[in-house]
Structure formats: C-alpha cells, structure tokens
Amino acid sequence: MPSVLIDQNIMSYGDIMMFTKIDGVIGYVRKKPPVDGTWLREEFKCLPTIAKLIKNAEISAYRYIELDLEDWKRNGSGSSSKLGDLFPNSEMGEIEPAIERSYFFQTNLLDYLDTSSVVDFCNWLNVKGVGEHALKNRQYKNFPESMKSNLENISRYQEMCRTLQKEEQYIDAFHLWTGETNNIDYFLTADKKFINAIKNSNSKCKPVLPSQLLKYMGISEIEPFDFQENVFYGIGGQHMWEIA
C-alpha cells in the first residue's frame, strides 16, 4: 500500500462545499473549481478517486504539524464543511517533522503561523554548520532520536534547497524532506512548479500531481464528484434545486 503525504493545496481543493443562504434557506453550494480546460482542472477531477482510495485503505494518507499550521491560517478554513470535504483529518495519519521548529523558534502564535517565519526557519536550516550547532543546544537531551539523526544529516535538506530558485519553495522542500525521513512514498501536491524545480533532488519521497499518483497505481478510471456545480444542497446534503 503506497503511503502519501498530502500537501495543503490538495486539502484546500478537496474542501469543495461552501456554506450559504439562498431565499432564506440555509445550505451549501459547490465552490468554484479551477477553470475548465486547464491542467489544474484535470488534476482537480482526480481528487474524488484519491479520496476513495484513502477511504478504502488502498492508500495510507498522512499529514504533519507544519501542513496543519498552513491549514489554520487558510482563508475560510474556519467555515469549511465536513459536507463535501474529500480529505477529512480523521482519515489521515500524523508523522513527525524532520526538525521540530518550536524547539528553536519560539514566538507568539500569529507570528509562528506567518509564512515568513517558516521561511526564516528554512533559511536557518541552510546555514553551514547548523546541525552541529543545534546538537550543542542545551535542549539537546530532550530532542527525539529521529530529530537528532536528521540534524546530523541536515546536508540532505540543504542539497534539496540548492536545486531551487525561490526561498518560498524551501518550505515545500521541507515537506518533502519530512516525507523522506518518515519513509513516505509520495508527496501529493498541486504545485507543478515545485515538482519541476525539485525533480533533480532524487528524493525517496516522490513529489507527484494527483494524475501522476493514479498513473503510478495503474488507475485510469476516475470517480465523479458526489456534489455537482450549480446545485443548492440542504444542510443534510440533499439535492434542493438547480441554481440558474
């Protein structure tokens, strides 16, 4: 059974329903999908199939703290609905980050969630000798054994980052490295630019688009969405009426 680390952009696209009120009735409508005819729309169409594979335990899906934090700060994440949520957290396992950021970067929650703070952390991980320095930290004895090992082998992450042009992609490289250190087979993402940029890293955790994952698994038939566009659904998910 393949193991897959699910990127936040996949989780966001997989949250397909929006809570609303029409003519005094409370219910849900489909969020606007990617533009029809684009490569991203085709990847989006693969998501129900991947969701079904996870639900049927044909794929082991995973998340970890840094991806969860990205979800917390996502616009509208607080109003997302279990109705139409293709990738509920209850079906995800949790893995440990390659390096736990909170051991070295302490601040208030809002700053901790900010993307710039994660970029700063990733840049710090790329400083020469950072692994040796971190292992001399007074908290060293409290570090998990896996994190000690990863600090000793920090050059692997630095090698990944050297293949990239943008610092913002260092975050995705950290996700990929975390997948690799946890022996995850695939990093599922909708970020084609990152996949192309990191292709020479030879990661044991392979970054893939949804369509590529299905291809590797030998699956050609895709599942339809349970909820259709331009339809108003009641709070229980029942079909109410077509939206003009």
C-alpha atoms as a PDB file:
ATOM      1  CA  MET A   1       0.000   0.000   0.000  1.00  0.00           C
ATOM      2  CA  PRO A   2       1.545   3.334  -1.020  1.00  0.00           C
ATOM      3  CA  SER A   3       1.980   5.991   1.665  1.00  0.00           C
ATOM      4  CA  VAL A   4       1.252   9.596   0.717  1.00  0.00           C
ATOM      5  CA  LEU A   5       1.920  12.933   2.445  1.00  0.00           C
ATOM      6  CA  ILE A   6      -0.936  15.281   1.482  1.00  0.00           C
ATOM      7  CA  ASP A   7       0.055  18.879   0.692  1.00  0.00           C
ATOM      8  CA  GLN A   8      -2.141  21.707   1.937  1.00  0.00           C
ATOM      9  CA  ASN A   9      -3.149  22.782  -1.571  1.00  0.00           C
ATOM     10  CA  ILE A  10      -4.688  19.327  -2.095  1.00  0.00           C
ATOM     11  CA  MET A  11      -6.609  19.689   1.173  1.00  0.00           C
ATOM     12  CA  SER A  12      -7.841  23.128   0.113  1.00  0.00           C
ATOM     13  CA  TYR A  13      -9.023  21.974  -3.316  1.00  0.00           C
ATOM     14  CA  GLY A  14     -10.631  18.963  -1.655  1.00  0.00           C
ATOM     15  CA  ASP A  15     -12.831  21.170   0.559  1.00  0.00           C
ATOM     16  CA  ILE A  16     -15.383  21.628  -2.226  1.00  0.00           C
ATOM     17  CA  MET A  17     -18.507  22.960  -0.469  1.00  0.00           C
ATOM     18  CA  MET A  18     -19.393  26.447   0.792  1.00  0.00           C
ATOM     19  CA  PHE A  19     -21.990  27.255   3.461  1.00  0.00           C
ATOM     20  CA  THR A  20     -24.533  29.789   2.252  1.00  0.00           C
ATOM     21  CA  LYS A  21     -28.140  31.025   2.445  1.00  0.00           C
ATOM     22  CA  ILE A  22     -30.426  31.358  -0.570  1.00  0.00           C
ATOM     23  CA  ASP A  23     -34.033  32.614  -0.415  1.00  0.00           C
ATOM     24  CA  GLY A  24     -33.958  32.238   3.341  1.00  0.00           C
ATOM     25  CA  VAL A  25     -32.831  28.600   3.199  1.00  0.00           C
ATOM     26  CA  ILE A  26     -29.523  27.542   4.772  1.00  0.00           C
ATOM     27  CA  GLY A  27     -27.445  25.055   2.833  1.00  0.00           C
ATOM     28  CA  TYR A  28     -24.404  24.508   0.654  1.00  0.00           C
ATOM     29  CA  VAL A  29     -23.165  25.090  -2.884  1.00  0.00           C
ATOM     30  CA  ARG A  30     -20.042  23.908  -4.676  1.00  0.00           C
ATOM     31  CA  LYS A  31     -17.095  26.260  -4.572  1.00  0.00           C
ATOM     32  CA  LYS A  32     -15.850  27.379  -7.970  1.00  0.00           C
ATOM     33  CA  PRO A  33     -13.373  24.787  -9.254  1.00  0.00           C
ATOM     34  CA  PRO A  34     -10.284  25.624 -11.338  1.00  0.00           C
ATOM     35  CA  VAL A  35     -11.069  26.923 -14.822  1.00  0.00           C
ATOM     36  CA  ASP A  36     -12.320  24.195 -17.141  1.00  0.00           C
ATOM     37  CA  GLY A  37      -9.802  23.075 -19.764  1.00  0.00           C
ATOM     38  CA  THR A  38      -6.734  23.925 -17.696  1.00  0.00           C
ATOM     39  CA  TRP A  39      -4.200  21.367 -16.451  1.00  0.00           C
ATOM     40  CA  LEU A  40      -5.210  22.201 -12.870  1.00  0.00           C
ATOM     41  CA  ARG A  41      -8.876  21.427 -13.605  1.00  0.00           C
ATOM     42  CA  GLU A  42      -7.807  17.995 -14.825  1.00  0.00           C
ATOM     43  CA  GLU A  43      -5.842  17.411 -11.620  1.00  0.00           C
ATOM     44  CA  PHE A  44      -8.837  18.587  -9.587  1.00  0.00           C
ATOM     45  CA  LYS A  45     -11.022  15.943 -11.268  1.00  0.00           C
ATOM     46  CA  CYS A  46      -8.699  13.235  -9.892  1.00  0.00           C
ATOM     47  CA  LEU A  47      -9.332  14.146  -6.254  1.00  0.00           C
ATOM     48  CA  PRO A  48     -12.537  12.094  -5.647  1.00  0.00           C
ATOM     49  CA  THR A  49     -10.692   8.981  -6.836  1.00  0.00           C
ATOM     50  CA  ILE A  50      -7.790   9.607  -4.482  1.00  0.00           C
ATOM     51  CA  ALA A  51     -10.227  10.313  -1.645  1.00  0.00           C
ATOM     52  CA  LYS A  52     -11.942   6.974  -2.287  1.00  0.00           C
ATOM     53  CA  LEU A  53      -8.606   5.128  -2.293  1.00  0.00           C
ATOM     54  CA  ILE A  54      -7.797   6.660   1.093  1.00  0.00           C
ATOM     55  CA  LYS A  55     -11.231   5.810   2.499  1.00  0.00           C
ATOM     56  CA  ASN A  56     -10.903   2.213   1.265  1.00  0.00           C
ATOM     57  CA  ALA A  57      -7.419   1.934   2.819  1.00  0.00           C
ATOM     58  CA  GLU A  58      -5.760   1.446  -0.571  1.00  0.00           C
ATOM     59  CA  ILE A  59      -3.594   4.490   0.194  1.00  0.00           C
ATOM     60  CA  SER A  60      -2.154   5.463   3.584  1.00  0.00           C
ATOM     61  CA  ALA A  61      -2.503   9.247   3.813  1.00  0.00           C
ATOM     62  CA  TYR A  62      -0.514  11.445   6.196  1.00  0.00           C
ATOM     63  CA  ARG A  63      -0.176  14.999   7.447  1.00  0.00           C
ATOM     64  CA  TYR A  64       2.193  16.698   9.893  1.00  0.00           C
ATOM     65  CA  ILE A  65       2.284  19.802  12.047  1.00  0.00           C
ATOM     66  CA  GLU A  66       3.650  22.306   9.503  1.00  0.00           C
ATOM     67  CA  LEU A  67       0.938  21.389   7.000  1.00  0.00           C
ATOM     68  CA  ASP A  68      -1.682  21.585   9.759  1.00  0.00           C
ATOM     69  CA  LEU A  69      -0.468  25.086  10.615  1.00  0.00           C
ATOM     70  CA  GLU A  70      -0.872  26.100   6.965  1.00  0.00           C
ATOM     71  CA  ASP A  71      -4.487  24.949   7.201  1.00  0.00           C
ATOM     72  CA  TRP A  72      -5.107  27.035  10.338  1.00  0.00           C
ATOM     73  CA  LYS A  73      -4.167  30.263   8.576  1.00  0.00           C
ATOM     74  CA  ARG A  74      -6.002  29.474   5.331  1.00  0.00           C
ATOM     75  CA  ASN A  75      -8.755  31.975   4.481  1.00  0.00           C
ATOM     76  CA  GLY A  76     -12.111  30.380   5.190  1.00  0.00           C
ATOM     77  CA  SER A  77     -10.673  27.339   6.934  1.00  0.00           C
ATOM     78  CA  GLY A  78     -12.830  28.024   9.960  1.00  0.00           C
ATOM     79  CA  SER A  79     -16.003  27.830   7.859  1.00  0.00           C
ATOM     80  CA  SER A  80     -15.092  24.705   5.906  1.00  0.00           C
ATOM     81  CA  SER A  81     -17.685  21.936   5.979  1.00  0.00           C
ATOM     82  CA  LYS A  82     -17.477  18.211   6.578  1.00  0.00           C
ATOM     83  CA  LEU A  83     -20.078  18.020   3.828  1.00  0.00           C
ATOM     84  CA  GLY A  84     -18.033  17.625   0.653  1.00  0.00           C
ATOM     85  CA  ASP A  85     -14.687  17.522   2.471  1.00  0.00           C
ATOM     86  CA  LEU A  86     -12.798  14.951   0.400  1.00  0.00           C
ATOM     87  CA  PHE A  87      -9.891  14.630   2.815  1.00  0.00           C
ATOM     88  CA  PRO A  88     -11.093  14.692   6.442  1.00  0.00           C
ATOM     89  CA  ASN A  89      -8.354  14.717   9.055  1.00  0.00           C
ATOM     90  CA  SER A  90      -9.921  11.653  10.663  1.00  0.00           C
ATOM     91  CA  GLU A  91      -8.647   9.594   7.720  1.00  0.00           C
ATOM     92  CA  MET A  92      -5.094  10.950   7.973  1.00  0.00           C
ATOM     93  CA  GLY A  93      -2.195   9.621   9.965  1.00  0.00           C
ATOM     94  CA  GLU A  94       0.261  12.029  11.595  1.00  0.00           C
ATOM     95  CA  ILE A  95       4.021  11.911  11.079  1.00  0.00           C
ATOM     96  CA  GLU A  96       6.805  13.784  12.850  1.00  0.00           C
ATOM     97  CA  PRO A  97       8.508  16.769  11.195  1.00  0.00           C
ATOM     98  CA  ALA A  98      12.087  16.190  10.119  1.00  0.00           C
ATOM     99  CA  ILE A  99      13.026  19.005  12.533  1.00  0.00           C
ATOM    100  CA  GLU A 100      10.545  20.370  15.080  1.00  0.00           C
ATOM    101  CA  ARG A 101      10.572  24.150  14.545  1.00  0.00           C
ATOM    102  CA  SER A 102       9.270  25.012  18.020  1.00  0.00           C
ATOM    103  CA  TYR A 103      12.489  23.765  19.646  1.00  0.00           C
ATOM    104  CA  PHE A 104      14.414  26.605  18.034  1.00  0.00           C
ATOM    105  CA  PHE A 105      11.909  29.323  17.068  1.00  0.00           C
ATOM    106  CA  GLN A 106       9.609  30.488  19.866  1.00  0.00           C
ATOM    107  CA  THR A 107       7.191  33.373  19.325  1.00  0.00           C
ATOM    108  CA  ASN A 108       3.501  34.238  19.605  1.00  0.00           C
ATOM    109  CA  LEU A 109       1.058  32.098  17.609  1.00  0.00           C
ATOM    110  CA  LEU A 110       0.246  34.686  14.927  1.00  0.00           C
ATOM    111  CA  ASP A 111       3.917  35.219  14.112  1.00  0.00           C
ATOM    112  CA  TYR A 112       4.570  31.478  14.296  1.00  0.00           C
ATOM    113  CA  LEU A 113       1.864  30.880  11.682  1.00  0.00           C
ATOM    114  CA  ASP A 114       3.201  33.550   9.335  1.00  0.00           C
ATOM    115  CA  THR A 115       4.828  32.218   6.162  1.00  0.00           C
ATOM    116  CA  SER A 116       7.834  34.494   6.640  1.00  0.00           C
ATOM    117  CA  SER A 117       8.579  32.753   9.969  1.00  0.00           C
ATOM    118  CA  VAL A 118       8.628  29.374   8.227  1.00  0.00           C
ATOM    119  CA  VAL A 119      10.908  30.777   5.508  1.00  0.00           C
ATOM    120  CA  ASP A 120      13.235  32.131   8.222  1.00  0.00           C
ATOM    121  CA  PHE A 121      13.335  28.669   9.801  1.00  0.00           C
ATOM    122  CA  CYS A 122      14.117  27.040   6.459  1.00  0.00           C
ATOM    123  CA  ASN A 123      16.859  29.587   5.768  1.00  0.00           C
ATOM    124  CA  TRP A 124      18.309  28.858   9.211  1.00  0.00           C
ATOM    125  CA  LEU A 125      18.386  25.151   8.365  1.00  0.00           C
ATOM    126  CA  ASN A 126      20.505  26.039   5.341  1.00  0.00           C
ATOM    127  CA  VAL A 127      23.212  27.793   7.367  1.00  0.00           C
ATOM    128  CA  LYS A 128      26.543  25.983   7.266  1.00  0.00           C
ATOM    129  CA  GLY A 129      27.186  24.015  10.461  1.00  0.00           C
ATOM    130  CA  VAL A 130      23.625  24.495  11.771  1.00  0.00           C
ATOM    131  CA  GLY A 131      23.231  20.793  12.566  1.00  0.00           C
ATOM    132  CA  GLU A 132      26.318  20.659  14.762  1.00  0.00           C
ATOM    133  CA  HIS A 133      25.337  23.901  16.462  1.00  0.00           C
ATOM    134  CA  ALA A 134      21.808  22.681  17.158  1.00  0.00           C
ATOM    135  CA  LEU A 135      23.091  19.443  18.659  1.00  0.00           C
ATOM    136  CA  LYS A 136      25.082  21.518  21.159  1.00  0.00           C
ATOM    137  CA  ASN A 137      21.908  23.287  22.250  1.00  0.00           C
ATOM    138  CA  ARG A 138      21.101  22.983  25.950  1.00  0.00           C
ATOM    139  CA  GLN A 139      17.847  21.220  24.954  1.00  0.00           C
ATOM    140  CA  TYR A 140      19.802  18.532  23.093  1.00  0.00           C
ATOM    141  CA  LYS A 141      18.947  15.805  25.610  1.00  0.00           C
ATOM    142  CA  ASN A 142      15.236  16.453  25.022  1.00  0.00           C
ATOM    143  CA  PHE A 143      15.438  16.065  21.248  1.00  0.00           C
ATOM    144  CA  PRO A 144      13.688  12.982  19.811  1.00  0.00           C
ATOM    145  CA  GLU A 145      16.200  10.462  18.473  1.00  0.00           C
ATOM    146  CA  SER A 146      14.846  10.851  14.943  1.00  0.00           C
ATOM    147  CA  MET A 147      15.422  14.613  15.079  1.00  0.00           C
ATOM    148  CA  LYS A 148      18.990  14.127  16.295  1.00  0.00           C
ATOM    149  CA  SER A 149      19.596  11.871  13.307  1.00  0.00           C
ATOM    150  CA  ASN A 150      18.079  14.413  10.916  1.00  0.00           C
ATOM    151  CA  LEU A 151      20.197  17.221  12.365  1.00  0.00           C
ATOM    152  CA  GLU A 152      23.267  15.094  11.791  1.00  0.00           C
ATOM    153  CA  ASN A 153      22.149  14.645   8.189  1.00  0.00           C
ATOM    154  CA  ILE A 154      20.929  18.203   7.581  1.00  0.00           C
ATOM    155  CA  SER A 155      23.045  18.315   4.418  1.00  0.00           C
ATOM    156  CA  ARG A 156      20.319  16.261   2.729  1.00  0.00           C
ATOM    157  CA  TYR A 157      17.800  19.102   3.140  1.00  0.00           C
ATOM    158  CA  GLN A 158      20.405  21.658   2.116  1.00  0.00           C
ATOM    159  CA  GLU A 159      21.071  19.619  -1.013  1.00  0.00           C
ATOM    160  CA  MET A 160      17.350  19.755  -1.869  1.00  0.00           C
ATOM    161  CA  CYS A 161      17.248  23.522  -1.431  1.00  0.00           C
ATOM    162  CA  ARG A 162      20.249  24.068  -3.686  1.00  0.00           C
ATOM    163  CA  THR A 163      18.143  22.828  -6.622  1.00  0.00           C
ATOM    164  CA  LEU A 164      15.551  25.593  -6.017  1.00  0.00           C
ATOM    165  CA  GLN A 165      15.453  29.209  -7.155  1.00  0.00           C
ATOM    166  CA  LYS A 166      12.947  30.661  -4.664  1.00  0.00           C
ATOM    167  CA  GLU A 167      13.174  30.728  -0.868  1.00  0.00           C
ATOM    168  CA  GLU A 168       9.416  30.153  -0.605  1.00  0.00           C
ATOM    169  CA  GLN A 169       9.972  26.726  -2.173  1.00  0.00           C
ATOM    170  CA  TYR A 170      12.243  25.824   0.747  1.00  0.00           C
ATOM    171  CA  ILE A 171       9.020  25.219   2.700  1.00  0.00           C
ATOM    172  CA  ASP A 172       7.823  22.653   0.164  1.00  0.00           C
ATOM    173  CA  ALA A 173      11.287  21.111   0.216  1.00  0.00           C
ATOM    174  CA  PHE A 174      10.944  20.783   3.986  1.00  0.00           C
ATOM    175  CA  HIS A 175       7.619  18.984   3.496  1.00  0.00           C
ATOM    176  CA  LEU A 176       9.308  16.680   1.007  1.00  0.00           C
ATOM    177  CA  TRP A 177      12.265  16.048   3.314  1.00  0.00           C
ATOM    178  CA  THR A 178       9.861  15.283   6.161  1.00  0.00           C
ATOM    179  CA  GLY A 179       8.158  12.737   3.919  1.00  0.00           C
ATOM    180  CA  GLU A 180      11.538  11.237   3.082  1.00  0.00           C
ATOM    181  CA  THR A 181      12.667  10.970   6.720  1.00  0.00           C
ATOM    182  CA  ASN A 182       9.382   9.210   7.552  1.00  0.00           C
ATOM    183  CA  ASN A 183       9.747   6.735   4.671  1.00  0.00           C
ATOM    184  CA  ILE A 184       6.691   8.098   2.857  1.00  0.00           C
ATOM    185  CA  ASP A 185       6.425   7.049  -0.789  1.00  0.00           C
ATOM    186  CA  TYR A 186       4.806  10.141  -2.316  1.00  0.00           C
ATOM    187  CA  PHE A 187       4.278  13.835  -1.615  1.00  0.00           C
ATOM    188  CA  LEU A 188       0.941  14.673  -3.266  1.00  0.00           C
ATOM    189  CA  THR A 189       0.752  18.302  -4.372  1.00  0.00           C
ATOM    190  CA  ALA A 190      -0.910  20.519  -6.973  1.00  0.00           C
ATOM    191  CA  ASP A 191       2.239  22.656  -7.255  1.00  0.00           C
ATOM    192  CA  LYS A 192       3.595  21.770 -10.684  1.00  0.00           C
ATOM    193  CA  LYS A 193       6.325  24.431 -10.477  1.00  0.00           C
ATOM    194  CA  PHE A 194       7.750  22.863  -7.324  1.00  0.00           C
ATOM    195  CA  ILE A 195       7.650  19.378  -8.838  1.00  0.00           C
ATOM    196  CA  ASN A 196       9.618  20.615 -11.851  1.00  0.00           C
ATOM    197  CA  ALA A 197      12.065  22.574  -9.702  1.00  0.00           C
ATOM    198  CA  ILE A 198      12.838  19.692  -7.320  1.00  0.00           C
ATOM    199  CA  LYS A 199      12.950  16.910  -9.933  1.00  0.00           C
ATOM    200  CA  ASN A 200      16.746  16.530  -9.699  1.00  0.00           C
ATOM    201  CA  SER A 201      16.791  16.022  -5.929  1.00  0.00           C
ATOM    202  CA  ASN A 202      16.334  12.235  -6.269  1.00  0.00           C
ATOM    203  CA  SER A 203      14.111  12.188  -3.206  1.00  0.00           C
ATOM    204  CA  LYS A 204      12.965   8.811  -1.937  1.00  0.00           C
ATOM    205  CA  CYS A 205       9.616  10.532  -1.337  1.00  0.00           C
ATOM    206  CA  LYS A 206       8.458  11.323  -4.864  1.00  0.00           C
ATOM    207  CA  PRO A 207       6.565  14.613  -5.421  1.00  0.00           C
ATOM    208  CA  VAL A 208       3.556  13.933  -7.663  1.00  0.00           C
ATOM    209  CA  LEU A 209       0.426  15.505  -9.089  1.00  0.00           C
ATOM    210  CA  PRO A 210      -2.883  13.672  -8.484  1.00  0.00           C
ATOM    211  CA  SER A 211      -2.968  12.320 -12.050  1.00  0.00           C
ATOM    212  CA  GLN A 212       0.596  11.025 -11.705  1.00  0.00           C
ATOM    213  CA  LEU A 213      -0.218   9.198  -8.480  1.00  0.00           C
ATOM    214  CA  LEU A 214      -3.169   7.456 -10.144  1.00  0.00           C
ATOM    215  CA  LYS A 215      -0.984   6.554 -13.110  1.00  0.00           C
ATOM    216  CA  TYR A 216       1.681   5.038 -10.852  1.00  0.00           C
ATOM    217  CA  MET A 217      -1.064   2.991  -9.196  1.00  0.00           C
ATOM    218  CA  GLY A 218      -2.386   1.792 -12.563  1.00  0.00           C
ATOM    219  CA  ILE A 219      -5.740   3.569 -12.211  1.00  0.00           C
ATOM    220  CA  SER A 220      -7.290   5.118 -15.335  1.00  0.00           C
ATOM    221  CA  GLU A 221     -10.984   5.421 -14.416  1.00  0.00           C
ATOM    222  CA  ILE A 222     -11.820   8.372 -12.160  1.00  0.00           C
ATOM    223  CA  GLU A 223     -14.703   8.768  -9.719  1.00  0.00           C
ATOM    224  CA  PRO A 224     -17.297  11.548 -10.129  1.00  0.00           C
ATOM    225  CA  PHE A 225     -17.887  14.228  -7.500  1.00  0.00           C
ATOM    226  CA  ASP A 226     -20.770  13.484  -5.109  1.00  0.00           C
ATOM    227  CA  PHE A 227     -21.876  17.118  -5.235  1.00  0.00           C
ATOM    228  CA  GLN A 228     -22.364  18.939  -8.517  1.00  0.00           C
ATOM    229  CA  GLU A 229     -21.816  22.525  -9.594  1.00  0.00           C
ATOM    230  CA  ASN A 230     -24.745  24.957  -9.754  1.00  0.00           C
ATOM    231  CA  VAL A 231     -26.875  22.950  -7.330  1.00  0.00           C
ATOM    232  CA  PHE A 232     -28.133  24.074  -3.911  1.00  0.00           C
ATOM    233  CA  TYR A 233     -27.900  21.356  -1.249  1.00  0.00           C
ATOM    234  CA  GLY A 234     -29.653  21.280   2.120  1.00  0.00           C
ATOM    235  CA  ILE A 235     -27.689  21.094   5.363  1.00  0.00           C
ATOM    236  CA  GLY A 236     -28.010  17.307   5.283  1.00  0.00           C
ATOM    237  CA  GLY A 237     -26.601  17.113   1.772  1.00  0.00           C
ATOM    238  CA  GLN A 238     -29.923  16.584  -0.007  1.00  0.00           C
ATOM    239  CA  HIS A 239     -30.372  17.991  -3.521  1.00  0.00           C
ATOM    240  CA  MET A 240     -32.687  21.022  -3.226  1.00  0.00           C
ATOM    241  CA  TRP A 241     -32.733  22.858  -6.571  1.00  0.00           C
ATOM    242  CA  GLU A 242     -30.685  23.901  -9.575  1.00  0.00           C
ATOM    243  CA  ILE A 243     -29.059  27.333  -9.457  1.00  0.00           C
ATOM    244  CA  ALA A 244     -29.605  29.421 -12.572  1.00  0.00           C
END
